[in-house]
Amino acid sequence: FVYVKNWSSYSDYGQVLSKDLDWTMTEQKLGK
């Protein structure tokens, strides 16, 4: 099971540190 969710930084509270699309979930990453 893969549960995908975004959240902002906790240490740098509430900040968006990255919008790296390499972390987007794809069929290839999900596998079975």
PDB file of all heavy atoms in Angstrom:
ATOM      1  N   PHE A   1       0.858  -1.180   0.000  1.00  0.00           N
ATOM      2  CA  PHE A   1       0.000   0.000   0.000  1.00  0.00           C
ATOM      3  C   PHE A   1       0.896   1.232   0.000  1.00  0.00           C
ATOM      4  O   PHE A   1       1.874   1.293   0.751  1.00  0.00           O
ATOM      5  CB  PHE A   1      -0.901   0.048   1.240  1.00  0.00           C
ATOM      6  CG  PHE A   1      -1.878  -1.089   1.342  1.00  0.00           C
ATOM      7  CD1 PHE A   1      -1.541  -2.260   2.004  1.00  0.00           C
ATOM      8  CD2 PHE A   1      -3.154  -0.982   0.781  1.00  0.00           C
ATOM      9  CE1 PHE A   1      -2.443  -3.309   2.107  1.00  0.00           C
ATOM     10  CE2 PHE A   1      -4.053  -2.025   0.883  1.00  0.00           C
ATOM     11  CZ  PHE A   1      -3.701  -3.187   1.544  1.00  0.00           C
ATOM     12  N   VAL A   2       0.546   2.211  -0.817  1.00  0.00           N
ATOM     13  CA  VAL A   2       1.274   3.475  -0.832  1.00  0.00           C
ATOM     14  C   VAL A   2       0.274   4.605  -0.572  1.00  0.00           C
ATOM     15  O   VAL A   2      -0.651   4.821  -1.354  1.00  0.00           O
ATOM     16  CB  VAL A   2       1.992   3.709  -2.175  1.00  0.00           C
ATOM     17  CG1 VAL A   2       2.665   5.077  -2.175  1.00  0.00           C
ATOM     18  CG2 VAL A   2       3.013   2.612  -2.425  1.00  0.00           C
ATOM     19  N   TYR A   3       0.458   5.288   0.539  1.00  0.00           N
ATOM     20  CA  TYR A   3      -0.393   6.417   0.920  1.00  0.00           C
ATOM     21  C   TYR A   3       0.383   7.683   0.593  1.00  0.00           C
ATOM     22  O   TYR A   3       1.456   7.927   1.156  1.00  0.00           O
ATOM     23  CB  TYR A   3      -0.698   6.357   2.419  1.00  0.00           C
ATOM     24  CG  TYR A   3      -1.900   7.174   2.855  1.00  0.00           C
ATOM     25  CD1 TYR A   3      -3.062   6.550   3.278  1.00  0.00           C
ATOM     26  CD2 TYR A   3      -1.866   8.564   2.857  1.00  0.00           C
ATOM     27  CE1 TYR A   3      -4.162   7.288   3.690  1.00  0.00           C
ATOM     28  CE2 TYR A   3      -2.960   9.303   3.249  1.00  0.00           C
ATOM     29  CZ  TYR A   3      -4.113   8.650   3.678  1.00  0.00           C
ATOM     30  OH  TYR A   3      -5.207   9.389   4.066  1.00  0.00           O
ATOM     31  N   VAL A   4      -0.142   8.487  -0.306  1.00  0.00           N
ATOM     32  CA  VAL A   4       0.553   9.695  -0.743  1.00  0.00           C
ATOM     33  C   VAL A   4      -0.132  10.926  -0.161  1.00  0.00           C
ATOM     34  O   VAL A   4      -1.358  11.034  -0.174  1.00  0.00           O
ATOM     35  CB  VAL A   4       0.581   9.765  -2.281  1.00  0.00           C
ATOM     36  CG1 VAL A   4       1.151  11.096  -2.747  1.00  0.00           C
ATOM     37  CG2 VAL A   4       1.408   8.615  -2.834  1.00  0.00           C
ATOM     38  N   LYS A   5       0.665  11.837   0.361  1.00  0.00           N
ATOM     39  CA  LYS A   5       0.114  13.050   0.975  1.00  0.00           C
ATOM     40  C   LYS A   5       1.187  14.129   0.999  1.00  0.00           C
ATOM     41  O   LYS A   5       2.345  13.846   1.273  1.00  0.00           O
ATOM     42  CB  LYS A   5      -0.361  12.761   2.405  1.00  0.00           C
ATOM     43  CG  LYS A   5      -1.035  13.941   3.079  1.00  0.00           C
ATOM     44  CD  LYS A   5      -2.405  14.210   2.490  1.00  0.00           C
ATOM     45  CE  LYS A   5      -3.093  15.396   3.154  1.00  0.00           C
ATOM     46  NZ  LYS A   5      -2.585  16.690   2.647  1.00  0.00           N
ATOM     47  N   ASN A   6       0.778  15.353   0.749  1.00  0.00           N
ATOM     48  CA  ASN A   6       1.696  16.473   0.915  1.00  0.00           C
ATOM     49  C   ASN A   6       1.549  17.054   2.315  1.00  0.00           C
ATOM     50  O   ASN A   6       0.471  17.004   2.911  1.00  0.00           O
ATOM     51  CB  ASN A   6       1.412  17.570  -0.112  1.00  0.00           C
ATOM     52  CG  ASN A   6       2.243  18.823   0.154  1.00  0.00           C
ATOM     53  OD1 ASN A   6       1.791  19.730   0.855  1.00  0.00           O
ATOM     54  ND2 ASN A   6       3.443  18.858  -0.371  1.00  0.00           N
ATOM     55  N   TRP A   7       2.638  17.588   2.830  1.00  0.00           N
ATOM     56  CA  TRP A   7       2.593  18.406   4.049  1.00  0.00           C
ATOM     57  C   TRP A   7       3.738  19.413   3.976  1.00  0.00           C
ATOM     58  O   TRP A   7       4.738  19.201   3.300  1.00  0.00           O
ATOM     59  CB  TRP A   7       2.689  17.548   5.312  1.00  0.00           C
ATOM     60  CG  TRP A   7       3.917  16.689   5.414  1.00  0.00           C
ATOM     61  CD1 TRP A   7       5.137  17.032   5.898  1.00  0.00           C
ATOM     62  CD2 TRP A   7       4.029  15.294   5.033  1.00  0.00           C
ATOM     63  NE1 TRP A   7       6.008  15.964   5.848  1.00  0.00           N
ATOM     64  CE2 TRP A   7       5.355  14.887   5.329  1.00  0.00           C
ATOM     65  CE3 TRP A   7       3.140  14.371   4.487  1.00  0.00           C
ATOM     66  CZ2 TRP A   7       5.805  13.591   5.077  1.00  0.00           C
ATOM     67  CZ3 TRP A   7       3.590  13.078   4.232  1.00  0.00           C
ATOM     68  CH2 TRP A   7       4.909  12.705   4.531  1.00  0.00           C
ATOM     69  N   SER A   8       3.547  20.531   4.629  1.00  0.00           N
ATOM     70  CA  SER A   8       4.580  21.565   4.669  1.00  0.00           C
ATOM     71  C   SER A   8       5.651  21.180   5.682  1.00  0.00           C
ATOM     72  O   SER A   8       5.520  20.202   6.411  1.00  0.00           O
ATOM     73  CB  SER A   8       3.954  22.915   5.023  1.00  0.00           C
ATOM     74  OG  SER A   8       3.251  22.832   6.248  1.00  0.00           O
ATOM     75  N   SER A   9       6.694  21.978   5.738  1.00  0.00           N
ATOM     76  CA  SER A   9       7.786  21.695   6.665  1.00  0.00           C
ATOM     77  C   SER A   9       7.320  21.867   8.113  1.00  0.00           C
ATOM     78  O   SER A   9       6.557  22.788   8.425  1.00  0.00           O
ATOM     79  CB  SER A   9       8.960  22.635   6.394  1.00  0.00           C
ATOM     80  OG  SER A   9       9.984  22.445   7.352  1.00  0.00           O
ATOM     81  N   TYR A  10       7.790  20.988   8.990  1.00  0.00           N
ATOM     82  CA  TYR A  10       7.504  21.119  10.414  1.00  0.00           C
ATOM     83  C   TYR A  10       8.609  21.909  11.112  1.00  0.00           C
ATOM     84  O   TYR A  10       8.341  22.779  11.933  1.00  0.00           O
ATOM     85  CB  TYR A  10       7.368  19.741  11.057  1.00  0.00           C
ATOM     86  CG  TYR A  10       7.091  19.794  12.543  1.00  0.00           C
ATOM     87  CD1 TYR A  10       5.812  20.077  13.019  1.00  0.00           C
ATOM     88  CD2 TYR A  10       8.105  19.565  13.487  1.00  0.00           C
ATOM     89  CE1 TYR A  10       5.550  20.146  14.387  1.00  0.00           C
ATOM     90  CE2 TYR A  10       7.843  19.632  14.848  1.00  0.00           C
ATOM     91  CZ  TYR A  10       6.570  19.922  15.284  1.00  0.00           C
ATOM     92  OH  TYR A  10       6.313  19.997  16.642  1.00  0.00           O
ATOM     93  N   SER A  11       9.855  21.636  10.751  1.00  0.00           N
ATOM     94  CA  SER A  11      10.978  22.335  11.388  1.00  0.00           C
ATOM     95  C   SER A  11      11.028  23.802  10.965  1.00  0.00           C
ATOM     96  O   SER A  11      11.254  24.691  11.782  1.00  0.00           O
ATOM     97  CB  SER A  11      12.297  21.639  11.057  1.00  0.00           C
ATOM     98  OG  SER A  11      12.475  21.565   9.653  1.00  0.00           O
ATOM     99  N   ASP A  12      10.839  24.053   9.660  1.00  0.00           N
ATOM    100  CA  ASP A  12      10.735  25.423   9.147  1.00  0.00           C
ATOM    101  C   ASP A  12       9.245  25.671   8.972  1.00  0.00           C
ATOM    102  O   ASP A  12       8.720  25.695   7.867  1.00  0.00           O
ATOM    103  CB  ASP A  12      11.481  25.537   7.826  1.00  0.00           C
ATOM    104  CG  ASP A  12      11.718  26.972   7.405  1.00  0.00           C
ATOM    105  OD1 ASP A  12      11.301  27.885   8.152  1.00  0.00           O
ATOM    106  OD2 ASP A  12      12.292  27.184   6.329  1.00  0.00           O
ATOM    107  N   TYR A  13       8.559  25.875  10.074  1.00  0.00           N
ATOM    108  CA  TYR A  13       7.129  25.634  10.194  1.00  0.00           C
ATOM    109  C   TYR A  13       6.270  26.310   9.126  1.00  0.00           C
ATOM    110  O   TYR A  13       6.330  27.530   8.919  1.00  0.00           O
ATOM    111  CB  TYR A  13       6.629  26.060  11.581  1.00  0.00           C
ATOM    112  CG  TYR A  13       5.234  25.547  11.879  1.00  0.00           C
ATOM    113  CD1 TYR A  13       5.002  24.196  12.014  1.00  0.00           C
ATOM    114  CD2 TYR A  13       4.158  26.416  11.988  1.00  0.00           C
ATOM    115  CE1 TYR A  13       3.732  23.704  12.270  1.00  0.00           C
ATOM    116  CE2 TYR A  13       2.883  25.939  12.245  1.00  0.00           C
ATOM    117  CZ  TYR A  13       2.680  24.579  12.384  1.00  0.00           C
ATOM    118  OH  TYR A  13       1.413  24.106  12.617  1.00  0.00           O
ATOM    119  N   GLY A  14       5.473  25.471   8.444  1.00  0.00           N
ATOM    120  CA  GLY A  14       4.510  25.948   7.472  1.00  0.00           C
ATOM    121  C   GLY A  14       5.079  26.361   6.128  1.00  0.00           C
ATOM    122  O   GLY A  14       4.343  26.840   5.263  1.00  0.00           O
ATOM    123  N   GLN A  15       6.370  26.143   5.926  1.00  0.00           N
ATOM    124  CA  GLN A  15       7.006  26.575   4.687  1.00  0.00           C
ATOM    125  C   GLN A  15       7.000  25.478   3.620  1.00  0.00           C
ATOM    126  O   GLN A  15       7.039  24.288   3.944  1.00  0.00           O
ATOM    127  CB  GLN A  15       8.442  27.012   4.951  1.00  0.00           C
ATOM    128  CG  GLN A  15       8.556  28.200   5.889  1.00  0.00           C
ATOM    129  CD  GLN A  15       7.812  29.418   5.381  1.00  0.00           C
ATOM    130  OE1 GLN A  15       8.062  29.889   4.262  1.00  0.00           O
ATOM    131  NE2 GLN A  15       6.891  29.936   6.173  1.00  0.00           N
ATOM    132  N   VAL A  16       6.943  25.887   2.366  1.00  0.00           N
ATOM    133  CA  VAL A  16       7.107  24.977   1.231  1.00  0.00           C
ATOM    134  C   VAL A  16       8.567  25.051   0.812  1.00  0.00           C
ATOM    135  O   VAL A  16       9.015  26.052   0.245  1.00  0.00           O
ATOM    136  CB  VAL A  16       6.183  25.373   0.063  1.00  0.00           C
ATOM    137  CG1 VAL A  16       6.448  24.484  -1.148  1.00  0.00           C
ATOM    138  CG2 VAL A  16       4.723  25.287   0.481  1.00  0.00           C
ATOM    139  N   LEU A  17       9.307  23.995   1.105  1.00  0.00           N
ATOM    140  CA  LEU A  17      10.741  23.988   0.820  1.00  0.00           C
ATOM    141  C   LEU A  17      11.039  23.463  -0.566  1.00  0.00           C
ATOM    142  O   LEU A  17      12.108  23.736  -1.126  1.00  0.00           O
ATOM    143  CB  LEU A  17      11.465  23.120   1.853  1.00  0.00           C
ATOM    144  CG  LEU A  17      11.234  23.471   3.328  1.00  0.00           C
ATOM    145  CD1 LEU A  17      12.024  22.525   4.221  1.00  0.00           C
ATOM    146  CD2 LEU A  17      11.617  24.917   3.609  1.00  0.00           C
ATOM    147  N   SER A  18      10.103  22.682  -1.117  1.00  0.00           N
ATOM    148  CA  SER A  18      10.340  22.065  -2.413  1.00  0.00           C
ATOM    149  C   SER A  18       9.016  21.741  -3.088  1.00  0.00           C
ATOM    150  O   SER A  18       8.027  21.416  -2.420  1.00  0.00           O
ATOM    151  CB  SER A  18      11.150  20.771  -2.242  1.00  0.00           C
ATOM    152  OG  SER A  18      11.178  20.030  -3.439  1.00  0.00           O
ATOM    153  N   LYS A  19       9.001  21.843  -4.422  1.00  0.00           N
ATOM    154  CA  LYS A  19       7.875  21.377  -5.230  1.00  0.00           C
ATOM    155  C   LYS A  19       8.392  20.379  -6.262  1.00  0.00           C
ATOM    156  O   LYS A  19       7.948  20.337  -7.393  1.00  0.00           O
ATOM    157  CB  LYS A  19       7.176  22.551  -5.920  1.00  0.00           C
ATOM    158  CG  LYS A  19       6.588  23.583  -4.969  1.00  0.00           C
ATOM    159  CD  LYS A  19       5.956  24.731  -5.742  1.00  0.00           C
ATOM    160  CE  LYS A  19       5.444  25.815  -4.810  1.00  0.00           C
ATOM    161  NZ  LYS A  19       4.856  26.968  -5.563  1.00  0.00           N
ATOM    162  N   ASP A  20       9.345  19.554  -5.840  1.00  0.00           N
ATOM    163  CA  ASP A  20      10.061  18.636  -6.719  1.00  0.00           C
ATOM    164  C   ASP A  20       9.111  17.604  -7.320  1.00  0.00           C
ATOM    165  O   ASP A  20       8.640  16.692  -6.626  1.00  0.00           O
ATOM    166  CB  ASP A  20      11.171  17.950  -5.929  1.00  0.00           C
ATOM    167  CG  ASP A  20      12.071  17.105  -6.804  1.00  0.00           C
ATOM    168  OD1 ASP A  20      11.780  16.975  -8.009  1.00  0.00           O
ATOM    169  OD2 ASP A  20      13.065  16.562  -6.278  1.00  0.00           O
ATOM    170  N   LEU A  21       8.831  17.731  -8.606  1.00  0.00           N
ATOM    171  CA  LEU A  21       7.908  16.821  -9.278  1.00  0.00           C
ATOM    172  C   LEU A  21       8.463  15.410  -9.423  1.00  0.00           C
ATOM    173  O   LEU A  21       7.735  14.491  -9.819  1.00  0.00           O
ATOM    174  CB  LEU A  21       7.527  17.383 -10.648  1.00  0.00           C
ATOM    175  CG  LEU A  21       6.684  18.663 -10.628  1.00  0.00           C
ATOM    176  CD1 LEU A  21       6.414  19.152 -12.053  1.00  0.00           C
ATOM    177  CD2 LEU A  21       5.372  18.440  -9.892  1.00  0.00           C
ATOM    178  N   ASP A  22       9.735  15.212  -9.072  1.00  0.00           N
ATOM    179  CA  ASP A  22      10.285  13.857  -9.071  1.00  0.00           C
ATOM    180  C   ASP A  22       9.618  12.992  -7.996  1.00  0.00           C
ATOM    181  O   ASP A  22       9.726  11.764  -8.038  1.00  0.00           O
ATOM    182  CB  ASP A  22      11.799  13.891  -8.816  1.00  0.00           C
ATOM    183  CG  ASP A  22      12.575  14.412 -10.027  1.00  0.00           C
ATOM    184  OD1 ASP A  22      12.010  14.373 -11.140  1.00  0.00           O
ATOM    185  OD2 ASP A  22      13.733  14.839  -9.849  1.00  0.00           O
ATOM    186  N   TRP A  23       8.931  13.644  -7.032  1.00  0.00           N
ATOM    187  CA  TRP A  23       8.245  12.907  -5.974  1.00  0.00           C
ATOM    188  C   TRP A  23       6.787  12.599  -6.333  1.00  0.00           C
ATOM    189  O   TRP A  23       6.084  11.954  -5.562  1.00  0.00           O
ATOM    190  CB  TRP A  23       8.314  13.688  -4.661  1.00  0.00           C
ATOM    191  CG  TRP A  23       9.649  13.547  -3.996  1.00  0.00           C
ATOM    192  CD1 TRP A  23      10.803  14.206  -4.321  1.00  0.00           C
ATOM    193  CD2 TRP A  23       9.977  12.692  -2.905  1.00  0.00           C
ATOM    194  NE1 TRP A  23      11.832  13.810  -3.495  1.00  0.00           N
ATOM    195  CE2 TRP A  23      11.351  12.886  -2.605  1.00  0.00           C
ATOM    196  CE3 TRP A  23       9.246  11.782  -2.137  1.00  0.00           C
ATOM    197  CZ2 TRP A  23      12.003  12.190  -1.594  1.00  0.00           C
ATOM    198  CZ3 TRP A  23       9.898  11.102  -1.106  1.00  0.00           C
ATOM    199  CH2 TRP A  23      11.260  11.300  -0.851  1.00  0.00           C
ATOM    200  N   THR A  24       6.313  13.058  -7.489  1.00  0.00           N
ATOM    201  CA  THR A  24       4.959  12.746  -7.938  1.00  0.00           C
ATOM    202  C   THR A  24       4.809  11.235  -8.092  1.00  0.00           C
ATOM    203  O   THR A  24       5.704  10.559  -8.620  1.00  0.00           O
ATOM    204  CB  THR A  24       4.671  13.437  -9.282  1.00  0.00           C
ATOM    205  OG1 THR A  24       4.782  14.845  -9.121  1.00  0.00           O
ATOM    206  CG2 THR A  24       3.273  13.093  -9.794  1.00  0.00           C
ATOM    207  N   MET A  25       3.672  10.680  -7.649  1.00  0.00           N
ATOM    208  CA  MET A  25       3.463   9.237  -7.739  1.00  0.00           C
ATOM    209  C   MET A  25       3.054   8.859  -9.163  1.00  0.00           C
ATOM    210  O   MET A  25       2.121   9.422  -9.727  1.00  0.00           O
ATOM    211  CB  MET A  25       2.393   8.782  -6.744  1.00  0.00           C
ATOM    212  CG  MET A  25       2.238   7.267  -6.634  1.00  0.00           C
ATOM    213  SD  MET A  25       3.783   6.362  -6.290  1.00  0.00           S
ATOM    214  CE  MET A  25       4.360   7.210  -4.803  1.00  0.00           C
ATOM    215  N   THR A  26       3.765   7.893  -9.721  1.00  0.00           N
ATOM    216  CA  THR A  26       3.515   7.400 -11.075  1.00  0.00           C
ATOM    217  C   THR A  26       3.205   5.912 -11.043  1.00  0.00           C
ATOM    218  O   THR A  26       3.431   5.235 -10.035  1.00  0.00           O
ATOM    219  CB  THR A  26       4.750   7.626 -11.965  1.00  0.00           C
ATOM    220  OG1 THR A  26       5.830   6.804 -11.465  1.00  0.00           O
ATOM    221  CG2 THR A  26       5.175   9.093 -11.969  1.00  0.00           C
ATOM    222  N   GLU A  27       2.707   5.401 -12.156  1.00  0.00           N
ATOM    223  CA  GLU A  27       2.441   3.960 -12.249  1.00  0.00           C
ATOM    224  C   GLU A  27       3.716   3.154 -12.036  1.00  0.00           C
ATOM    225  O   GLU A  27       3.701   2.109 -11.379  1.00  0.00           O
ATOM    226  CB  GLU A  27       1.851   3.622 -13.629  1.00  0.00           C
ATOM    227  CG  GLU A  27       0.387   3.936 -13.793  1.00  0.00           C
ATOM    228  CD  GLU A  27      -0.143   3.420 -15.113  1.00  0.00           C
ATOM    229  OE1 GLU A  27       0.390   3.836 -16.167  1.00  0.00           O
ATOM    230  OE2 GLU A  27      -1.086   2.608 -15.092  1.00  0.00           O
ATOM    231  N   GLN A  28       4.803   3.623 -12.605  1.00  0.00           N
ATOM    232  CA  GLN A  28       6.063   2.897 -12.480  1.00  0.00           C
ATOM    233  C   GLN A  28       6.507   2.815 -11.021  1.00  0.00           C
ATOM    234  O   GLN A  28       6.928   1.752 -10.546  1.00  0.00           O
ATOM    235  CB  GLN A  28       7.146   3.573 -13.320  1.00  0.00           C
ATOM    236  CG  GLN A  28       8.485   2.847 -13.289  1.00  0.00           C
ATOM    237  CD  GLN A  28       9.532   3.519 -14.172  1.00  0.00           C
ATOM    238  OE1 GLN A  28       9.244   4.521 -14.823  1.00  0.00           O
ATOM    239  NE2 GLN A  28      10.736   2.976 -14.190  1.00  0.00           N
ATOM    240  N   LYS A  29       6.411   3.920 -10.307  1.00  0.00           N
ATOM    241  CA  LYS A  29       6.801   3.916  -8.893  1.00  0.00           C
ATOM    242  C   LYS A  29       5.872   3.044  -8.057  1.00  0.00           C
ATOM    243  O   LYS A  29       6.308   2.342  -7.144  1.00  0.00           O
ATOM    244  CB  LYS A  29       6.770   5.343  -8.333  1.00  0.00           C
ATOM    245  CG  LYS A  29       7.852   6.274  -8.838  1.00  0.00           C
ATOM    246  CD  LYS A  29       7.682   7.620  -8.162  1.00  0.00           C
ATOM    247  CE  LYS A  29       8.667   8.638  -8.666  1.00  0.00           C
ATOM    248  NZ  LYS A  29       8.478   9.951  -8.009  1.00  0.00           N
ATOM    249  N   LEU A  30       4.582   3.115  -8.350  1.00  0.00           N
ATOM    250  CA  LEU A  30       3.586   2.396  -7.553  1.00  0.00           C
ATOM    251  C   LEU A  30       3.766   0.892  -7.654  1.00  0.00           C
ATOM    252  O   LEU A  30       3.546   0.170  -6.671  1.00  0.00           O
ATOM    253  CB  LEU A  30       2.177   2.793  -8.005  1.00  0.00           C
ATOM    254  CG  LEU A  30       1.018   2.231  -7.188  1.00  0.00           C
ATOM    255  CD1 LEU A  30       1.036   2.801  -5.761  1.00  0.00           C
ATOM    256  CD2 LEU A  30      -0.316   2.566  -7.870  1.00  0.00           C
ATOM    257  N   GLY A  31       4.159   0.422  -8.831  1.00  0.00           N
ATOM    258  CA  GLY A  31       4.315  -1.016  -9.005  1.00  0.00           C
ATOM    259  C   GLY A  31       2.990  -1.742  -8.829  1.00  0.00           C
ATOM    260  O   GLY A  31       1.979  -1.352  -9.401  1.00  0.00           O
ATOM    261  N   LYS A  32       2.993  -2.759  -7.993  1.00  0.00           N
ATOM    262  CA  LYS A  32       1.785  -3.555  -7.762  1.00  0.00           C
ATOM    263  C   LYS A  32       1.009  -3.107  -6.531  1.00  0.00           C
ATOM    264  O   LYS A  32       0.003  -3.710  -6.169  1.00  0.00           O
ATOM    265  CB  LYS A  32       2.165  -5.033  -7.615  1.00  0.00           C
ATOM    266  CG  LYS A  32       2.783  -5.639  -8.867  1.00  0.00           C
ATOM    267  CD  LYS A  32       3.127  -7.107  -8.657  1.00  0.00           C
ATOM    268  CE  LYS A  32       3.745  -7.704  -9.923  1.00  0.00           C
ATOM    269  NZ  LYS A  32       4.092  -9.145  -9.730  1.00  0.00           N
TER     270      LYS A  32
END
